[in-house]
Structures are given as structure tokens and as C-alpha cells.
Amino acid sequence: MSSFNIFSITWIAIAVVIFFSLFYVVAPYGRHLKEGWGPNVSARFGWVFMESPCVVLMLILAAGTWESLNLVQGIFLALWLTHYVHRTFIWPYRVNMSGKEMPLNHCFISFLF
């Protein structure tokens, strides 16, 4: 069995477990925020932190293969980066998040995902 298949099966198994567990546990996010899930950080910081790997990792991967990108790949890269730069660094400062918080462990797990 290839590494890709093992990786895929592992993520599918994790998804199934999480799917059924969320019928019994309310995720502490947004209006469902409650104590006991660890320290909280501002929602704006949490959003930028957990979304930043999408931009940073794509830039690193693109820099490593820059010479071999063709026009279509460059267009899709530009579309991806435009969307995620806006989603990560612009949108959190346009929406009203003042006074809202989220658990730090939620941000960290999202960052790793």
C-alpha cells in the first residue's frame, strides 16, 4: 500500500470519528464558545494565525517550482493566492470581531491541519 493511500485512509478515518463525535460535543467556536477549552485569544488573531499556512506554504511550494510553472498553473496560483491573501490578511480587519475570542488550541489545531 502506498504512502498516499495510507495518508488518505487515515484522514478519512479521522473525518468519520469527528463527524460522529460532533453529534455529541458542540465545538467551541463562534457563539458556542465556552470555558474549559483552554486559553482564549482574540478572534482576529486566531483567524489570521490559523489561515496563514495556506498563503505561506503555497508561496514556499511555488518558489521551489517557479521555473517549471506554465501559464495555466501560474493563473491558478494567482487565483489561489488572491483568495487566501484576502481571506487571511484583509477580511479579518474588515469584519467586526472586536471583543470576540476563540480557544488557542482551536487555532493551533486549525494551523496544523
PDB file of N, CA and C in Angstrom:
ATOM      1  N   MET A   1       0.859  -1.179   0.000  1.00  0.00           N
ATOM      2  CA  MET A   1       0.000   0.000   0.000  1.00  0.00           C
ATOM      3  C   MET A   1       0.899   1.235   0.000  1.00  0.00           C
ATOM      4  N   SER A   2       0.565   2.200  -0.831  1.00  0.00           N
ATOM      5  CA  SER A   2       1.402   3.386  -0.964  1.00  0.00           C
ATOM      6  C   SER A   2       1.183   4.354   0.199  1.00  0.00           C
ATOM      7  N   SER A   3       2.127   5.258   0.364  1.00  0.00           N
ATOM      8  CA  SER A   3       2.027   6.278   1.423  1.00  0.00           C
ATOM      9  C   SER A   3       0.789   7.138   1.228  1.00  0.00           C
ATOM     10  N   PHE A   4       0.491   7.447  -0.036  1.00  0.00           N
ATOM     11  CA  PHE A   4      -0.684   8.269  -0.322  1.00  0.00           C
ATOM     12  C   PHE A   4      -1.956   7.581   0.143  1.00  0.00           C
ATOM     13  N   ASN A   5      -2.076   6.279  -0.124  1.00  0.00           N
ATOM     14  CA  ASN A   5      -3.274   5.547   0.293  1.00  0.00           C
ATOM     15  C   ASN A   5      -3.385   5.489   1.811  1.00  0.00           C
ATOM     16  N   ILE A   6      -2.276   5.267   2.496  1.00  0.00           N
ATOM     17  CA  ILE A   6      -2.285   5.250   3.961  1.00  0.00           C
ATOM     18  C   ILE A   6      -2.704   6.610   4.502  1.00  0.00           C
ATOM     19  N   PHE A   7      -2.134   7.668   3.934  1.00  0.00           N
ATOM     20  CA  PHE A   7      -2.470   9.036   4.337  1.00  0.00           C
ATOM     21  C   PHE A   7      -3.963   9.308   4.120  1.00  0.00           C
ATOM     22  N   SER A   8      -4.471   8.918   2.955  1.00  0.00           N
ATOM     23  CA  SER A   8      -5.881   9.162   2.628  1.00  0.00           C
ATOM     24  C   SER A   8      -6.804   8.391   3.562  1.00  0.00           C
ATOM     25  N   ILE A   9      -6.510   7.130   3.790  1.00  0.00           N
ATOM     26  CA  ILE A   9      -7.346   6.311   4.672  1.00  0.00           C
ATOM     27  C   ILE A   9      -7.327   6.862   6.093  1.00  0.00           C
ATOM     28  N   THR A  10      -6.160   7.312   6.541  1.00  0.00           N
ATOM     29  CA  THR A  10      -6.049   7.896   7.883  1.00  0.00           C
ATOM     30  C   THR A  10      -6.936   9.124   8.012  1.00  0.00           C
ATOM     31  N   TRP A  11      -6.886  10.024   7.030  1.00  0.00           N
ATOM     32  CA  TRP A  11      -7.704  11.239   7.101  1.00  0.00           C
ATOM     33  C   TRP A  11      -9.190  10.930   7.004  1.00  0.00           C
ATOM     34  N   ILE A  12      -9.547   9.927   6.204  1.00  0.00           N
ATOM     35  CA  ILE A  12     -10.958   9.534   6.116  1.00  0.00           C
ATOM     36  C   ILE A  12     -11.428   8.987   7.461  1.00  0.00           C
ATOM     37  N   ALA A  13     -10.605   8.189   8.108  1.00  0.00           N
ATOM     38  CA  ALA A  13     -10.964   7.640   9.425  1.00  0.00           C
ATOM     39  C   ALA A  13     -11.118   8.759  10.455  1.00  0.00           C
ATOM     40  N   ILE A  14     -10.208   9.717  10.446  1.00  0.00           N
ATOM     41  CA  ILE A  14     -10.313  10.859  11.363  1.00  0.00           C
ATOM     42  C   ILE A  14     -11.607  11.632  11.094  1.00  0.00           C
ATOM     43  N   ALA A  15     -11.932  11.824   9.821  1.00  0.00           N
ATOM     44  CA  ALA A  15     -13.150  12.563   9.460  1.00  0.00           C
ATOM     45  C   ALA A  15     -14.399  11.846   9.958  1.00  0.00           C
ATOM     46  N   VAL A  16     -14.438  10.532   9.843  1.00  0.00           N
ATOM     47  CA  VAL A  16     -15.599   9.763  10.295  1.00  0.00           C
ATOM     48  C   VAL A  16     -15.759   9.883  11.809  1.00  0.00           C
ATOM     49  N   VAL A  17     -14.655   9.761  12.541  1.00  0.00           N
ATOM     50  CA  VAL A  17     -14.703   9.884  14.001  1.00  0.00           C
ATOM     51  C   VAL A  17     -15.185  11.267  14.401  1.00  0.00           C
ATOM     52  N   ILE A  18     -14.644  12.300  13.784  1.00  0.00           N
ATOM     53  CA  ILE A  18     -15.043  13.671  14.117  1.00  0.00           C
ATOM     54  C   ILE A  18     -16.503  13.919  13.738  1.00  0.00           C
ATOM     55  N   PHE A  19     -16.928  13.400  12.586  1.00  0.00           N
ATOM     56  CA  PHE A  19     -18.314  13.573  12.152  1.00  0.00           C
ATOM     57  C   PHE A  19     -19.284  13.069  13.215  1.00  0.00           C
ATOM     58  N   PHE A  20     -19.060  11.861  13.697  1.00  0.00           N
ATOM     59  CA  PHE A  20     -19.982  11.301  14.685  1.00  0.00           C
ATOM     60  C   PHE A  20     -19.813  11.932  16.067  1.00  0.00           C
ATOM     61  N   SER A  21     -18.605  12.336  16.418  1.00  0.00           N
ATOM     62  CA  SER A  21     -18.397  12.954  17.735  1.00  0.00           C
ATOM     63  C   SER A  21     -19.072  14.319  17.829  1.00  0.00           C
ATOM     64  N   LEU A  22     -19.202  15.016  16.704  1.00  0.00           N
ATOM     65  CA  LEU A  22     -19.828  16.338  16.730  1.00  0.00           C
ATOM     66  C   LEU A  22     -21.344  16.278  16.928  1.00  0.00           C
ATOM     67  N   PHE A  23     -21.927  15.074  16.894  1.00  0.00           N
ATOM     68  CA  PHE A  23     -23.330  14.935  17.270  1.00  0.00           C
ATOM     69  C   PHE A  23     -23.495  15.027  18.784  1.00  0.00           C
ATOM     70  N   TYR A  24     -22.410  14.804  19.520  1.00  0.00           N
ATOM     71  CA  TYR A  24     -22.471  14.763  20.986  1.00  0.00           C
ATOM     72  C   TYR A  24     -21.713  15.901  21.664  1.00  0.00           C
ATOM     73  N   VAL A  25     -20.764  16.506  20.976  1.00  0.00           N
ATOM     74  CA  VAL A  25     -19.955  17.591  21.538  1.00  0.00           C
ATOM     75  C   VAL A  25     -20.098  18.808  20.636  1.00  0.00           C
ATOM     76  N   VAL A  26     -20.445  19.950  21.224  1.00  0.00           N
ATOM     77  CA  VAL A  26     -20.550  21.187  20.456  1.00  0.00           C
ATOM     78  C   VAL A  26     -19.163  21.820  20.396  1.00  0.00           C
ATOM     79  N   ALA A  27     -18.663  22.028  19.191  1.00  0.00           N
ATOM     80  CA  ALA A  27     -17.335  22.618  19.024  1.00  0.00           C
ATOM     81  C   ALA A  27     -17.348  24.051  19.564  1.00  0.00           C
ATOM     82  N   PRO A  28     -16.335  24.431  20.331  1.00  0.00           N
ATOM     83  CA  PRO A  28     -16.312  25.760  20.959  1.00  0.00           C
ATOM     84  C   PRO A  28     -15.884  26.840  19.976  1.00  0.00           C
ATOM     85  N   TYR A  29     -16.767  27.207  19.099  1.00  0.00           N
ATOM     86  CA  TYR A  29     -16.424  28.164  18.057  1.00  0.00           C
ATOM     87  C   TYR A  29     -17.581  29.121  17.872  1.00  0.00           C
ATOM     88  N   GLY A  30     -17.270  30.394  17.696  1.00  0.00           N
ATOM     89  CA  GLY A  30     -18.315  31.387  17.470  1.00  0.00           C
ATOM     90  C   GLY A  30     -19.234  31.533  18.663  1.00  0.00           C
ATOM     91  N   ARG A  31     -20.528  31.412  18.451  1.00  0.00           N
ATOM     92  CA  ARG A  31     -21.490  31.595  19.535  1.00  0.00           C
ATOM     93  C   ARG A  31     -21.491  30.435  20.522  1.00  0.00           C
ATOM     94  N   HIS A  32     -20.813  29.344  20.203  1.00  0.00           N
ATOM     95  CA  HIS A  32     -20.758  28.184  21.089  1.00  0.00           C
ATOM     96  C   HIS A  32     -19.528  28.202  21.999  1.00  0.00           C
ATOM     97  N   LEU A  33     -18.811  29.311  22.039  1.00  0.00           N
ATOM     98  CA  LEU A  33     -17.615  29.432  22.871  1.00  0.00           C
ATOM     99  C   LEU A  33     -17.985  29.267  24.340  1.00  0.00           C
ATOM    100  N   LYS A  34     -17.225  28.433  25.042  1.00  0.00           N
ATOM    101  CA  LYS A  34     -17.460  28.248  26.473  1.00  0.00           C
ATOM    102  C   LYS A  34     -16.131  27.950  27.151  1.00  0.00           C
ATOM    103  N   GLU A  35     -16.128  28.095  28.449  1.00  0.00           N
ATOM    104  CA  GLU A  35     -14.914  27.871  29.230  1.00  0.00           C
ATOM    105  C   GLU A  35     -14.536  26.389  29.234  1.00  0.00           C
ATOM    106  N   GLY A  36     -13.268  26.120  29.512  1.00  0.00           N
ATOM    107  CA  GLY A  36     -12.821  24.747  29.650  1.00  0.00           C
ATOM    108  C   GLY A  36     -12.113  24.184  28.437  1.00  0.00           C
ATOM    109  N   TRP A  37     -11.953  24.971  27.394  1.00  0.00           N
ATOM    110  CA  TRP A  37     -11.258  24.503  26.197  1.00  0.00           C
ATOM    111  C   TRP A  37      -9.872  25.119  26.073  1.00  0.00           C
ATOM    112  N   GLY A  38      -9.361  25.685  27.151  1.00  0.00           N
ATOM    113  CA  GLY A  38      -8.029  26.290  27.128  1.00  0.00           C
ATOM    114  C   GLY A  38      -8.100  27.800  27.065  1.00  0.00           C
ATOM    115  N   PRO A  39      -6.931  28.437  27.034  1.00  0.00           N
ATOM    116  CA  PRO A  39      -6.908  29.899  26.989  1.00  0.00           C
ATOM    117  C   PRO A  39      -7.472  30.431  25.672  1.00  0.00           C
ATOM    118  N   ASN A  40      -8.064  31.601  25.745  1.00  0.00           N
ATOM    119  CA  ASN A  40      -8.642  32.231  24.566  1.00  0.00           C
ATOM    120  C   ASN A  40      -7.721  33.320  24.028  1.00  0.00           C
ATOM    121  N   VAL A  41      -7.820  33.544  22.722  1.00  0.00           N
ATOM    122  CA  VAL A  41      -7.124  34.652  22.063  1.00  0.00           C
ATOM    123  C   VAL A  41      -8.174  35.426  21.281  1.00  0.00           C
ATOM    124  N   SER A  42      -7.818  36.601  20.821  1.00  0.00           N
ATOM    125  CA  SER A  42      -8.782  37.384  20.048  1.00  0.00           C
ATOM    126  C   SER A  42      -9.121  36.627  18.764  1.00  0.00           C
ATOM    127  N   ALA A  43     -10.350  36.754  18.335  1.00  0.00           N
ATOM    128  CA  ALA A  43     -10.812  36.047  17.139  1.00  0.00           C
ATOM    129  C   ALA A  43     -10.029  36.491  15.909  1.00  0.00           C
ATOM    130  N   ARG A  44      -9.671  37.760  15.839  1.00  0.00           N
ATOM    131  CA  ARG A  44      -8.912  38.268  14.693  1.00  0.00           C
ATOM    132  C   ARG A  44      -7.532  37.613  14.619  1.00  0.00           C
ATOM    133  N   PHE A  45      -6.813  37.576  15.738  1.00  0.00           N
ATOM    134  CA  PHE A  45      -5.501  36.926  15.765  1.00  0.00           C
ATOM    135  C   PHE A  45      -5.641  35.444  15.418  1.00  0.00           C
ATOM    136  N   GLY A  46      -6.624  34.781  16.008  1.00  0.00           N
ATOM    137  CA  GLY A  46      -6.833  33.366  15.748  1.00  0.00           C
ATOM    138  C   GLY A  46      -7.092  33.089  14.281  1.00  0.00           C
ATOM    139  N   TRP A  47      -7.906  33.925  13.655  1.00  0.00           N
ATOM    140  CA  TRP A  47      -8.225  33.739  12.241  1.00  0.00           C
ATOM    141  C   TRP A  47      -6.975  33.883  11.382  1.00  0.00           C
ATOM    142  N   VAL A  48      -6.217  34.946  11.599  1.00  0.00           N
ATOM    143  CA  VAL A  48      -5.002  35.166  10.805  1.00  0.00           C
ATOM    144  C   VAL A  48      -4.010  34.032  11.036  1.00  0.00           C
ATOM    145  N   PHE A  49      -3.851  33.617  12.289  1.00  0.00           N
ATOM    146  CA  PHE A  49      -2.904  32.551  12.615  1.00  0.00           C
ATOM    147  C   PHE A  49      -3.289  31.233  11.951  1.00  0.00           C
ATOM    148  N   MET A  50      -4.564  30.849  12.030  1.00  0.00           N
ATOM    149  CA  MET A  50      -4.943  29.537  11.511  1.00  0.00           C
ATOM    150  C   MET A  50      -5.062  29.513   9.995  1.00  0.00           C
ATOM    151  N   GLU A  51      -5.224  30.648   9.339  1.00  0.00           N
ATOM    152  CA  GLU A  51      -5.314  30.679   7.885  1.00  0.00           C
ATOM    153  C   GLU A  51      -3.969  30.950   7.206  1.00  0.00           C
ATOM    154  N   SER A  52      -2.981  31.428   7.949  1.00  0.00           N
ATOM    155  CA  SER A  52      -1.706  31.821   7.342  1.00  0.00           C
ATOM    156  C   SER A  52      -0.932  30.688   6.658  1.00  0.00           C
ATOM    157  N   PRO A  53      -1.005  29.425   7.111  1.00  0.00           N
ATOM    158  CA  PRO A  53      -0.267  28.391   6.382  1.00  0.00           C
ATOM    159  C   PRO A  53      -0.693  28.248   4.923  1.00  0.00           C
ATOM    160  N   CYS A  54      -1.949  28.554   4.607  1.00  0.00           N
ATOM    161  CA  CYS A  54      -2.402  28.454   3.219  1.00  0.00           C
ATOM    162  C   CYS A  54      -1.604  29.374   2.309  1.00  0.00           C
ATOM    163  N   VAL A  55      -1.307  30.552   2.782  1.00  0.00           N
ATOM    164  CA  VAL A  55      -0.550  31.514   1.990  1.00  0.00           C
ATOM    165  C   VAL A  55       0.943  31.178   2.029  1.00  0.00           C
ATOM    166  N   VAL A  56       1.476  30.973   3.218  1.00  0.00           N
ATOM    167  CA  VAL A  56       2.922  30.775   3.374  1.00  0.00           C
ATOM    168  C   VAL A  56       3.390  29.498   2.683  1.00  0.00           C
ATOM    169  N   LEU A  57       2.691  28.395   2.922  1.00  0.00           N
ATOM    170  CA  LEU A  57       3.108  27.134   2.304  1.00  0.00           C
ATOM    171  C   LEU A  57       2.982  27.165   0.788  1.00  0.00           C
ATOM    172  N   MET A  58       1.942  27.784   0.268  1.00  0.00           N
ATOM    173  CA  MET A  58       1.800  27.863  -1.178  1.00  0.00           C
ATOM    174  C   MET A  58       2.905  28.716  -1.792  1.00  0.00           C
ATOM    175  N   LEU A  59       3.297  29.794  -1.123  1.00  0.00           N
ATOM    176  CA  LEU A  59       4.407  30.602  -1.620  1.00  0.00           C
ATOM    177  C   LEU A  59       5.720  29.825  -1.607  1.00  0.00           C
ATOM    178  N   ILE A  60       5.941  29.044  -0.560  1.00  0.00           N
ATOM    179  CA  ILE A  60       7.167  28.238  -0.477  1.00  0.00           C
ATOM    180  C   ILE A  60       7.176  27.178  -1.583  1.00  0.00           C
ATOM    181  N   LEU A  61       6.059  26.485  -1.752  1.00  0.00           N
ATOM    182  CA  LEU A  61       5.980  25.466  -2.794  1.00  0.00           C
ATOM    183  C   LEU A  61       6.120  26.076  -4.188  1.00  0.00           C
ATOM    184  N   ALA A  62       5.518  27.218  -4.412  1.00  0.00           N
ATOM    185  CA  ALA A  62       5.612  27.873  -5.714  1.00  0.00           C
ATOM    186  C   ALA A  62       7.034  28.356  -5.980  1.00  0.00           C
ATOM    187  N   ALA A  63       7.712  28.851  -4.958  1.00  0.00           N
ATOM    188  CA  ALA A  63       9.092  29.310  -5.137  1.00  0.00           C
ATOM    189  C   ALA A  63      10.006  28.152  -5.520  1.00  0.00           C
ATOM    190  N   GLY A  64       9.729  26.973  -4.986  1.00  0.00           N
ATOM    191  CA  GLY A  64      10.551  25.810  -5.304  1.00  0.00           C
ATOM    192  C   GLY A  64      10.372  25.293  -6.714  1.00  0.00           C
ATOM    193  N   THR A  65       9.236  25.600  -7.341  1.00  0.00           N
ATOM    194  CA  THR A  65       8.974  25.103  -8.699  1.00  0.00           C
ATOM    195  C   THR A  65       8.709  26.242  -9.678  1.00  0.00           C
ATOM    196  N   TRP A  66       9.161  27.430  -9.366  1.00  0.00           N
ATOM    197  CA  TRP A  66       8.817  28.609 -10.151  1.00  0.00           C
ATOM    198  C   TRP A  66       9.196  28.479 -11.622  1.00  0.00           C
ATOM    199  N   GLU A  67      10.383  27.941 -11.909  1.00  0.00           N
ATOM    200  CA  GLU A  67      10.852  27.845 -13.303  1.00  0.00           C
ATOM    201  C   GLU A  67      10.024  26.876 -14.131  1.00  0.00           C
ATOM    202  N   SER A  68       9.412  25.898 -13.505  1.00  0.00           N
ATOM    203  CA  SER A  68       8.675  24.886 -14.260  1.00  0.00           C
ATOM    204  C   SER A  68       7.172  25.166 -14.360  1.00  0.00           C
ATOM    205  N   LEU A  69       6.699  26.268 -13.782  1.00  0.00           N
ATOM    206  CA  LEU A  69       5.268  26.585 -13.868  1.00  0.00           C
ATOM    207  C   LEU A  69       4.919  27.039 -15.278  1.00  0.00           C
ATOM    208  N   ASN A  70       3.820  26.506 -15.819  1.00  0.00           N
ATOM    209  CA  ASN A  70       3.344  27.004 -17.106  1.00  0.00           C
ATOM    210  C   ASN A  70       2.278  28.077 -16.866  1.00  0.00           C
ATOM    211  N   LEU A  71       1.728  28.608 -17.930  1.00  0.00           N
ATOM    212  CA  LEU A  71       0.781  29.725 -17.815  1.00  0.00           C
ATOM    213  C   LEU A  71      -0.464  29.342 -17.015  1.00  0.00           C
ATOM    214  N   VAL A  72      -1.031  28.185 -17.282  1.00  0.00           N
ATOM    215  CA  VAL A  72      -2.252  27.769 -16.587  1.00  0.00           C
ATOM    216  C   VAL A  72      -1.981  27.591 -15.094  1.00  0.00           C
ATOM    217  N   GLN A  73      -0.867  26.962 -14.755  1.00  0.00           N
ATOM    218  CA  GLN A  73      -0.511  26.794 -13.348  1.00  0.00           C
ATOM    219  C   GLN A  73      -0.282  28.141 -12.676  1.00  0.00           C
ATOM    220  N   GLY A  74       0.342  29.076 -13.390  1.00  0.00           N
ATOM    221  CA  GLY A  74       0.546  30.419 -12.845  1.00  0.00           C
ATOM    222  C   GLY A  74      -0.761  31.144 -12.591  1.00  0.00           C
ATOM    223  N   ILE A  75      -1.728  30.963 -13.490  1.00  0.00           N
ATOM    224  CA  ILE A  75      -3.040  31.595 -13.306  1.00  0.00           C
ATOM    225  C   ILE A  75      -3.741  31.018 -12.079  1.00  0.00           C
ATOM    226  N   PHE A  76      -3.716  29.679 -11.944  1.00  0.00           N
ATOM    227  CA  PHE A  76      -4.349  29.070 -10.783  1.00  0.00           C
ATOM    228  C   PHE A  76      -3.638  29.443  -9.487  1.00  0.00           C
ATOM    229  N   LEU A  77      -2.324  29.559  -9.536  1.00  0.00           N
ATOM    230  CA  LEU A  77      -1.567  30.004  -8.367  1.00  0.00           C
ATOM    231  C   LEU A  77      -1.986  31.428  -7.989  1.00  0.00           C
ATOM    232  N   ALA A  78      -2.105  32.310  -8.975  1.00  0.00           N
ATOM    233  CA  ALA A  78      -2.514  33.691  -8.707  1.00  0.00           C
ATOM    234  C   ALA A  78      -3.926  33.745  -8.129  1.00  0.00           C
ATOM    235  N   LEU A  79      -4.835  32.931  -8.655  1.00  0.00           N
ATOM    236  CA  LEU A  79      -6.197  32.886  -8.120  1.00  0.00           C
ATOM    237  C   LEU A  79      -6.200  32.394  -6.674  1.00  0.00           C
ATOM    238  N   TRP A  80      -5.458  31.320  -6.413  1.00  0.00           N
ATOM    239  CA  TRP A  80      -5.360  30.762  -5.050  1.00  0.00           C
ATOM    240  C   TRP A  80      -4.833  31.813  -4.090  1.00  0.00           C
ATOM    241  N   LEU A  81      -3.714  32.438  -4.468  1.00  0.00           N
ATOM    242  CA  LEU A  81      -3.088  33.413  -3.574  1.00  0.00           C
ATOM    243  C   LEU A  81      -3.964  34.645  -3.382  1.00  0.00           C
ATOM    244  N   THR A  82      -4.628  35.098  -4.432  1.00  0.00           N
ATOM    245  CA  THR A  82      -5.525  36.245  -4.298  1.00  0.00           C
ATOM    246  C   THR A  82      -6.631  35.938  -3.288  1.00  0.00           C
ATOM    247  N   HIS A  83      -7.233  34.770  -3.418  1.00  0.00           N
ATOM    248  CA  HIS A  83      -8.297  34.382  -2.498  1.00  0.00           C
ATOM    249  C   HIS A  83      -7.778  34.280  -1.065  1.00  0.00           C
ATOM    250  N   TYR A  84      -6.677  33.553  -0.854  1.00  0.00           N
ATOM    251  CA  TYR A  84      -6.220  33.304   0.504  1.00  0.00           C
ATOM    252  C   TYR A  84      -5.526  34.498   1.141  1.00  0.00           C
ATOM    253  N   VAL A  85      -4.891  35.372   0.366  1.00  0.00           N
ATOM    254  CA  VAL A  85      -4.351  36.604   0.944  1.00  0.00           C
ATOM    255  C   VAL A  85      -5.507  37.462   1.451  1.00  0.00           C
ATOM    256  N   HIS A  86      -6.579  37.550   0.658  1.00  0.00           N
ATOM    257  CA  HIS A  86      -7.749  38.308   1.112  1.00  0.00           C
ATOM    258  C   HIS A  86      -8.374  37.651   2.337  1.00  0.00           C
ATOM    259  N   ARG A  87      -8.585  36.338   2.282  1.00  0.00           N
ATOM    260  CA  ARG A  87      -9.224  35.609   3.376  1.00  0.00           C
ATOM    261  C   ARG A  87      -8.408  35.677   4.661  1.00  0.00           C
ATOM    262  N   THR A  88      -7.085  35.671   4.538  1.00  0.00           N
ATOM    263  CA  THR A  88      -6.212  35.610   5.704  1.00  0.00           C
ATOM    264  C   THR A  88      -5.863  36.972   6.271  1.00  0.00           C
ATOM    265  N   PHE A  89      -5.530  37.930   5.420  1.00  0.00           N
ATOM    266  CA  PHE A  89      -4.961  39.186   5.902  1.00  0.00           C
ATOM    267  C   PHE A  89      -5.846  40.417   5.716  1.00  0.00           C
ATOM    268  N   ILE A  90      -6.878  40.337   4.894  1.00  0.00           N
ATOM    269  CA  ILE A  90      -7.725  41.516   4.661  1.00  0.00           C
ATOM    270  C   ILE A  90      -9.084  41.358   5.336  1.00  0.00           C
ATOM    271  N   TRP A  91      -9.778  40.243   5.095  1.00  0.00           N
ATOM    272  CA  TRP A  91     -11.123  40.055   5.634  1.00  0.00           C
ATOM    273  C   TRP A  91     -11.202  40.193   7.149  1.00  0.00           C
ATOM    274  N   PRO A  92     -10.262  39.635   7.929  1.00  0.00           N
ATOM    275  CA  PRO A  92     -10.391  39.757   9.391  1.00  0.00           C
ATOM    276  C   PRO A  92     -10.369  41.201   9.888  1.00  0.00           C
ATOM    277  N   TYR A  93      -9.814  42.106   9.103  1.00  0.00           N
ATOM    278  CA  TYR A  93      -9.764  43.508   9.519  1.00  0.00           C
ATOM    279  C   TYR A  93     -10.929  44.314   8.956  1.00  0.00           C
ATOM    280  N   ARG A  94     -11.710  43.724   8.079  1.00  0.00           N
ATOM    281  CA  ARG A  94     -12.890  44.406   7.548  1.00  0.00           C
ATOM    282  C   ARG A  94     -14.152  44.069   8.322  1.00  0.00           C
ATOM    283  N   VAL A  95     -14.176  42.896   8.950  1.00  0.00           N
ATOM    284  CA  VAL A  95     -15.359  42.458   9.686  1.00  0.00           C
ATOM    285  C   VAL A  95     -15.213  42.870  11.153  1.00  0.00           C
ATOM    286  N   ASN A  96     -16.321  43.062  11.808  1.00  0.00           N
ATOM    287  CA  ASN A  96     -16.294  43.461  13.212  1.00  0.00           C
ATOM    288  C   ASN A  96     -16.072  42.235  14.100  1.00  0.00           C
ATOM    289  N   MET A  97     -14.854  42.091  14.612  1.00  0.00           N
ATOM    290  CA  MET A  97     -14.529  40.986  15.516  1.00  0.00           C
ATOM    291  C   MET A  97     -14.144  41.499  16.889  1.00  0.00           C
ATOM    292  N   SER A  98     -14.411  42.749  17.151  1.00  0.00           N
ATOM    293  CA  SER A  98     -13.987  43.316  18.422  1.00  0.00           C
ATOM    294  C   SER A  98     -14.696  42.624  19.585  1.00  0.00           C
ATOM    295  N   GLY A  99     -13.916  42.229  20.576  1.00  0.00           N
ATOM    296  CA  GLY A  99     -14.450  41.585  21.761  1.00  0.00           C
ATOM    297  C   GLY A  99     -14.716  40.099  21.613  1.00  0.00           C
ATOM    298  N   LYS A 100     -14.541  39.538  20.425  1.00  0.00           N
ATOM    299  CA  LYS A 100     -14.792  38.116  20.221  1.00  0.00           C
ATOM    300  C   LYS A 100     -13.498  37.338  20.412  1.00  0.00           C
ATOM    301  N   GLU A 101     -13.644  36.121  20.956  1.00  0.00           N
ATOM    302  CA  GLU A 101     -12.482  35.296  21.239  1.00  0.00           C
ATOM    303  C   GLU A 101     -12.696  33.883  20.713  1.00  0.00           C
ATOM    304  N   MET A 102     -11.586  33.150  20.655  1.00  0.00           N
ATOM    305  CA  MET A 102     -11.636  31.739  20.294  1.00  0.00           C
ATOM    306  C   MET A 102     -10.552  31.004  21.066  1.00  0.00           C
ATOM    307  N   PRO A 103     -10.718  29.717  21.297  1.00  0.00           N
ATOM    308  CA  PRO A 103      -9.711  28.963  22.049  1.00  0.00           C
ATOM    309  C   PRO A 103      -8.392  28.864  21.269  1.00  0.00           C
ATOM    310  N   LEU A 104      -7.302  29.026  21.976  1.00  0.00           N
ATOM    311  CA  LEU A 104      -5.979  28.946  21.350  1.00  0.00           C
ATOM    312  C   LEU A 104      -5.738  27.563  20.761  1.00  0.00           C
ATOM    313  N   ASN A 105      -6.193  26.514  21.444  1.00  0.00           N
ATOM    314  CA  ASN A 105      -5.964  25.174  20.913  1.00  0.00           C
ATOM    315  C   ASN A 105      -6.719  24.951  19.602  1.00  0.00           C
ATOM    316  N   HIS A 106      -7.874  25.609  19.436  1.00  0.00           N
ATOM    317  CA  HIS A 106      -8.610  25.534  18.177  1.00  0.00           C
ATOM    318  C   HIS A 106      -7.785  26.158  17.058  1.00  0.00           C
ATOM    319  N   CYS A 107      -7.165  27.304  17.336  1.00  0.00           N
ATOM    320  CA  CYS A 107      -6.320  27.971  16.344  1.00  0.00           C
ATOM    321  C   CYS A 107      -5.122  27.096  15.980  1.00  0.00           C
ATOM    322  N   PHE A 108      -4.518  26.498  16.994  1.00  0.00           N
ATOM    323  CA  PHE A 108      -3.327  25.668  16.762  1.00  0.00           C
ATOM    324  C   PHE A 108      -3.667  24.428  15.934  1.00  0.00           C
ATOM    325  N   ILE A 109      -4.767  23.769  16.262  1.00  0.00           N
ATOM    326  CA  ILE A 109      -5.170  22.568  15.512  1.00  0.00           C
ATOM    327  C   ILE A 109      -5.505  22.946  14.067  1.00  0.00           C
ATOM    328  N   SER A 110      -6.185  24.064  13.869  1.00  0.00           N
ATOM    329  CA  SER A 110      -6.501  24.518  12.520  1.00  0.00           C
ATOM    330  C   SER A 110      -5.235  24.879  11.751  1.00  0.00           C
ATOM    331  N   PHE A 111      -4.277  25.477  12.434  1.00  0.00           N
ATOM    332  CA  PHE A 111      -2.992  25.820  11.817  1.00  0.00           C
ATOM    333  C   PHE A 111      -2.304  24.548  11.329  1.00  0.00           C
ATOM    334  N   LEU A 112      -2.294  23.501  12.138  1.00  0.00           N
ATOM    335  CA  LEU A 112      -1.652  22.248  11.761  1.00  0.00           C
ATOM    336  C   LEU A 112      -2.389  21.544  10.623  1.00  0.00           C
ATOM    337  N   PHE A 113      -3.731  21.644  10.625  1.00  0.00           N
ATOM    338  CA  PHE A 113      -4.492  20.988   9.578  1.00  0.00           C
ATOM    339  C   PHE A 113      -4.173  21.599   8.228  1.00  0.00           C
TER     340      PHE A 113
END
